[in-house]
Amino acid sequence: MHFVEALIPLVAILSIFVVLPWMRMHYKSKERSQSALTGDEQLALTELRHVAERMEARLVTLERILDAEAPGWRERT
Protein backbone atom coordinates (compact mmCIF):
# COMPACT_ATOMS: atom_id res chain seq x y z
CA MET A 1 0.00 0.00 0.00
CA HIS A 2 2.91 2.38 0.65
CA PHE A 3 4.13 1.97 -2.95
CA VAL A 4 0.78 3.12 -4.39
CA GLU A 5 0.68 6.08 -2.03
CA ALA A 6 4.14 7.16 -3.17
CA LEU A 7 3.23 6.66 -6.82
CA ILE A 8 0.27 9.08 -6.77
CA PRO A 9 2.34 12.30 -6.31
CA LEU A 10 4.85 11.08 -8.90
CA VAL A 11 2.09 10.52 -11.47
CA ALA A 12 0.58 13.90 -10.66
CA ILE A 13 3.91 15.70 -11.11
CA LEU A 14 4.61 13.88 -14.40
CA SER A 15 1.14 14.75 -15.63
CA ILE A 16 1.58 18.43 -14.87
CA PHE A 17 5.09 18.84 -16.29
CA VAL A 18 5.15 16.31 -19.15
CA VAL A 19 1.73 15.08 -20.27
CA LEU A 20 -0.22 18.35 -20.17
CA PRO A 21 2.40 20.44 -22.06
CA TRP A 22 2.75 17.66 -24.66
CA MET A 23 -1.02 17.55 -25.19
CA ARG A 24 -1.17 21.34 -25.50
CA MET A 25 1.59 21.40 -28.14
CA HIS A 26 0.05 18.47 -30.00
CA TYR A 27 -3.38 20.08 -30.36
CA LYS A 28 -1.92 23.51 -31.09
CA SER A 29 0.10 22.12 -34.01
CA LYS A 30 -2.91 20.14 -35.21
CA GLU A 31 -5.04 23.30 -35.18
CA ARG A 32 -2.35 25.24 -37.03
CA SER A 33 -2.08 22.62 -39.77
CA GLN A 34 -5.85 22.47 -40.26
CA SER A 35 -6.18 26.24 -40.56
CA ALA A 36 -3.72 26.40 -43.48
CA LEU A 37 -5.18 26.59 -46.98
CA THR A 38 -4.87 23.58 -49.26
CA GLY A 39 -3.25 23.93 -52.67
CA ASP A 40 -6.62 24.03 -54.44
CA GLU A 41 -7.93 26.67 -52.04
CA GLN A 42 -4.80 28.76 -52.51
CA LEU A 43 -5.18 28.52 -56.31
CA ALA A 44 -8.86 29.51 -56.12
CA LEU A 45 -8.03 32.46 -53.87
CA THR A 46 -5.33 33.65 -56.29
CA GLU A 47 -7.75 33.35 -59.20
CA LEU A 48 -10.42 35.31 -57.32
CA ARG A 49 -7.88 38.04 -56.55
CA HIS A 50 -7.03 38.34 -60.26
CA VAL A 51 -10.74 38.54 -61.18
CA ALA A 52 -11.26 41.27 -58.56
CA GLU A 53 -8.28 43.23 -59.90
CA ARG A 54 -9.67 43.04 -63.46
CA MET A 55 -13.11 44.13 -62.28
CA GLU A 56 -11.58 47.08 -60.44
CA ALA A 57 -9.68 48.13 -63.58
CA ARG A 58 -12.90 47.95 -65.60
CA LEU A 59 -14.75 50.03 -63.01
CA VAL A 60 -12.05 52.71 -63.09
CA THR A 61 -12.28 52.78 -66.89
CA LEU A 62 -16.09 53.08 -66.80
CA GLU A 63 -15.91 55.91 -64.29
CA ARG A 64 -13.37 57.72 -66.47
CA ILE A 65 -15.67 57.36 -69.52
CA LEU A 66 -18.69 58.57 -67.54
CA ASP A 67 -16.72 61.55 -66.19
CA ALA A 68 -15.86 62.54 -69.77
CA GLU A 69 -19.27 61.92 -71.37
CA ALA A 70 -21.69 62.75 -68.54
CA PRO A 71 -20.16 65.24 -66.12
CA GLY A 72 -21.93 65.33 -62.78
CA TRP A 73 -23.16 61.74 -62.96
CA ARG A 74 -21.84 61.08 -59.48
CA GLU A 75 -24.13 63.69 -57.94
CA ARG A 76 -27.22 62.16 -59.62
CA THR A 77 -26.85 58.79 -57.91
C-alpha atoms as a PDB file:
ATOM      1  CA  MET A   1       0.000   0.000   0.000  1.00  0.00           C
ATOM      2  CA  HIS A   2       2.913   2.379   0.645  1.00  0.00           C
ATOM      3  CA  PHE A   3       4.126   1.969  -2.950  1.00  0.00           C
ATOM      4  CA  VAL A   4       0.781   3.120  -4.390  1.00  0.00           C
ATOM      5  CA  GLU A   5       0.678   6.080  -2.027  1.00  0.00           C
ATOM      6  CA  ALA A   6       4.144   7.163  -3.169  1.00  0.00           C
ATOM      7  CA  LEU A   7       3.235   6.663  -6.816  1.00  0.00           C
ATOM      8  CA  ILE A   8       0.275   9.084  -6.771  1.00  0.00           C
ATOM      9  CA  PRO A   9       2.335  12.295  -6.305  1.00  0.00           C
ATOM     10  CA  LEU A  10       4.854  11.085  -8.904  1.00  0.00           C
ATOM     11  CA  VAL A  11       2.089  10.518 -11.472  1.00  0.00           C
ATOM     12  CA  ALA A  12       0.578  13.904 -10.658  1.00  0.00           C
ATOM     13  CA  ILE A  13       3.907  15.697 -11.114  1.00  0.00           C
ATOM     14  CA  LEU A  14       4.615  13.881 -14.396  1.00  0.00           C
ATOM     15  CA  SER A  15       1.142  14.753 -15.635  1.00  0.00           C
ATOM     16  CA  ILE A  16       1.581  18.435 -14.867  1.00  0.00           C
ATOM     17  CA  PHE A  17       5.087  18.840 -16.294  1.00  0.00           C
ATOM     18  CA  VAL A  18       5.149  16.310 -19.152  1.00  0.00           C
ATOM     19  CA  VAL A  19       1.734  15.076 -20.268  1.00  0.00           C
ATOM     20  CA  LEU A  20      -0.224  18.347 -20.171  1.00  0.00           C
ATOM     21  CA  PRO A  21       2.398  20.437 -22.060  1.00  0.00           C
ATOM     22  CA  TRP A  22       2.749  17.661 -24.658  1.00  0.00           C
ATOM     23  CA  MET A  23      -1.021  17.554 -25.186  1.00  0.00           C
ATOM     24  CA  ARG A  24      -1.168  21.338 -25.499  1.00  0.00           C
ATOM     25  CA  MET A  25       1.593  21.397 -28.136  1.00  0.00           C
ATOM     26  CA  HIS A  26       0.046  18.471 -30.000  1.00  0.00           C
ATOM     27  CA  TYR A  27      -3.382  20.075 -30.357  1.00  0.00           C
ATOM     28  CA  LYS A  28      -1.920  23.508 -31.089  1.00  0.00           C
ATOM     29  CA  SER A  29       0.101  22.116 -34.012  1.00  0.00           C
ATOM     30  CA  LYS A  30      -2.914  20.136 -35.212  1.00  0.00           C
ATOM     31  CA  GLU A  31      -5.040  23.304 -35.176  1.00  0.00           C
ATOM     32  CA  ARG A  32      -2.354  25.240 -37.034  1.00  0.00           C
ATOM     33  CA  SER A  33      -2.078  22.623 -39.775  1.00  0.00           C
ATOM     34  CA  GLN A  34      -5.845  22.471 -40.263  1.00  0.00           C
ATOM     35  CA  SER A  35      -6.185  26.243 -40.563  1.00  0.00           C
ATOM     36  CA  ALA A  36      -3.724  26.396 -43.476  1.00  0.00           C
ATOM     37  CA  LEU A  37      -5.179  26.587 -46.985  1.00  0.00           C
ATOM     38  CA  THR A  38      -4.866  23.577 -49.264  1.00  0.00           C
ATOM     39  CA  GLY A  39      -3.250  23.926 -52.673  1.00  0.00           C
ATOM     40  CA  ASP A  40      -6.621  24.026 -54.443  1.00  0.00           C
ATOM     41  CA  GLU A  41      -7.927  26.666 -52.036  1.00  0.00           C
ATOM     42  CA  GLN A  42      -4.797  28.765 -52.509  1.00  0.00           C
ATOM     43  CA  LEU A  43      -5.178  28.521 -56.305  1.00  0.00           C
ATOM     44  CA  ALA A  44      -8.863  29.510 -56.120  1.00  0.00           C
ATOM     45  CA  LEU A  45      -8.032  32.457 -53.869  1.00  0.00           C
ATOM     46  CA  THR A  46      -5.333  33.654 -56.287  1.00  0.00           C
ATOM     47  CA  GLU A  47      -7.747  33.353 -59.204  1.00  0.00           C
ATOM     48  CA  LEU A  48     -10.418  35.312 -57.316  1.00  0.00           C
ATOM     49  CA  ARG A  49      -7.881  38.038 -56.554  1.00  0.00           C
ATOM     50  CA  HIS A  50      -7.031  38.345 -60.265  1.00  0.00           C
ATOM     51  CA  VAL A  51     -10.737  38.538 -61.180  1.00  0.00           C
ATOM     52  CA  ALA A  52     -11.261  41.272 -58.562  1.00  0.00           C
ATOM     53  CA  GLU A  53      -8.280  43.234 -59.898  1.00  0.00           C
ATOM     54  CA  ARG A  54      -9.668  43.042 -63.460  1.00  0.00           C
ATOM     55  CA  MET A  55     -13.106  44.134 -62.276  1.00  0.00           C
ATOM     56  CA  GLU A  56     -11.576  47.079 -60.437  1.00  0.00           C
ATOM     57  CA  ALA A  57      -9.675  48.127 -63.577  1.00  0.00           C
ATOM     58  CA  ARG A  58     -12.904  47.950 -65.596  1.00  0.00           C
ATOM     59  CA  LEU A  59     -14.750  50.028 -63.006  1.00  0.00           C
ATOM     60  CA  VAL A  60     -12.053  52.706 -63.095  1.00  0.00           C
ATOM     61  CA  THR A  61     -12.280  52.777 -66.893  1.00  0.00           C
ATOM     62  CA  LEU A  62     -16.088  53.082 -66.803  1.00  0.00           C
ATOM     63  CA  GLU A  63     -15.906  55.911 -64.288  1.00  0.00           C
ATOM     64  CA  ARG A  64     -13.374  57.724 -66.469  1.00  0.00           C
ATOM     65  CA  ILE A  65     -15.674  57.359 -69.516  1.00  0.00           C
ATOM     66  CA  LEU A  66     -18.694  58.574 -67.538  1.00  0.00           C
ATOM     67  CA  ASP A  67     -16.715  61.550 -66.189  1.00  0.00           C
ATOM     68  CA  ALA A  68     -15.858  62.544 -69.770  1.00  0.00           C
ATOM     69  CA  GLU A  69     -19.266  61.915 -71.366  1.00  0.00           C
ATOM     70  CA  ALA A  70     -21.694  62.753 -68.543  1.00  0.00           C
ATOM     71  CA  PRO A  71     -20.160  65.241 -66.119  1.00  0.00           C
ATOM     72  CA  GLY A  72     -21.931  65.334 -62.777  1.00  0.00           C
ATOM     73  CA  TRP A  73     -23.160  61.742 -62.964  1.00  0.00           C
ATOM     74  CA  ARG A  74     -21.843  61.082 -59.475  1.00  0.00           C
ATOM     75  CA  GLU A  75     -24.129  63.694 -57.937  1.00  0.00           C
ATOM     76  CA  ARG A  76     -27.225  62.157 -59.624  1.00  0.00           C
ATOM     77  CA  THR A  77     -26.851  58.788 -57.912  1.00  0.00           C
END
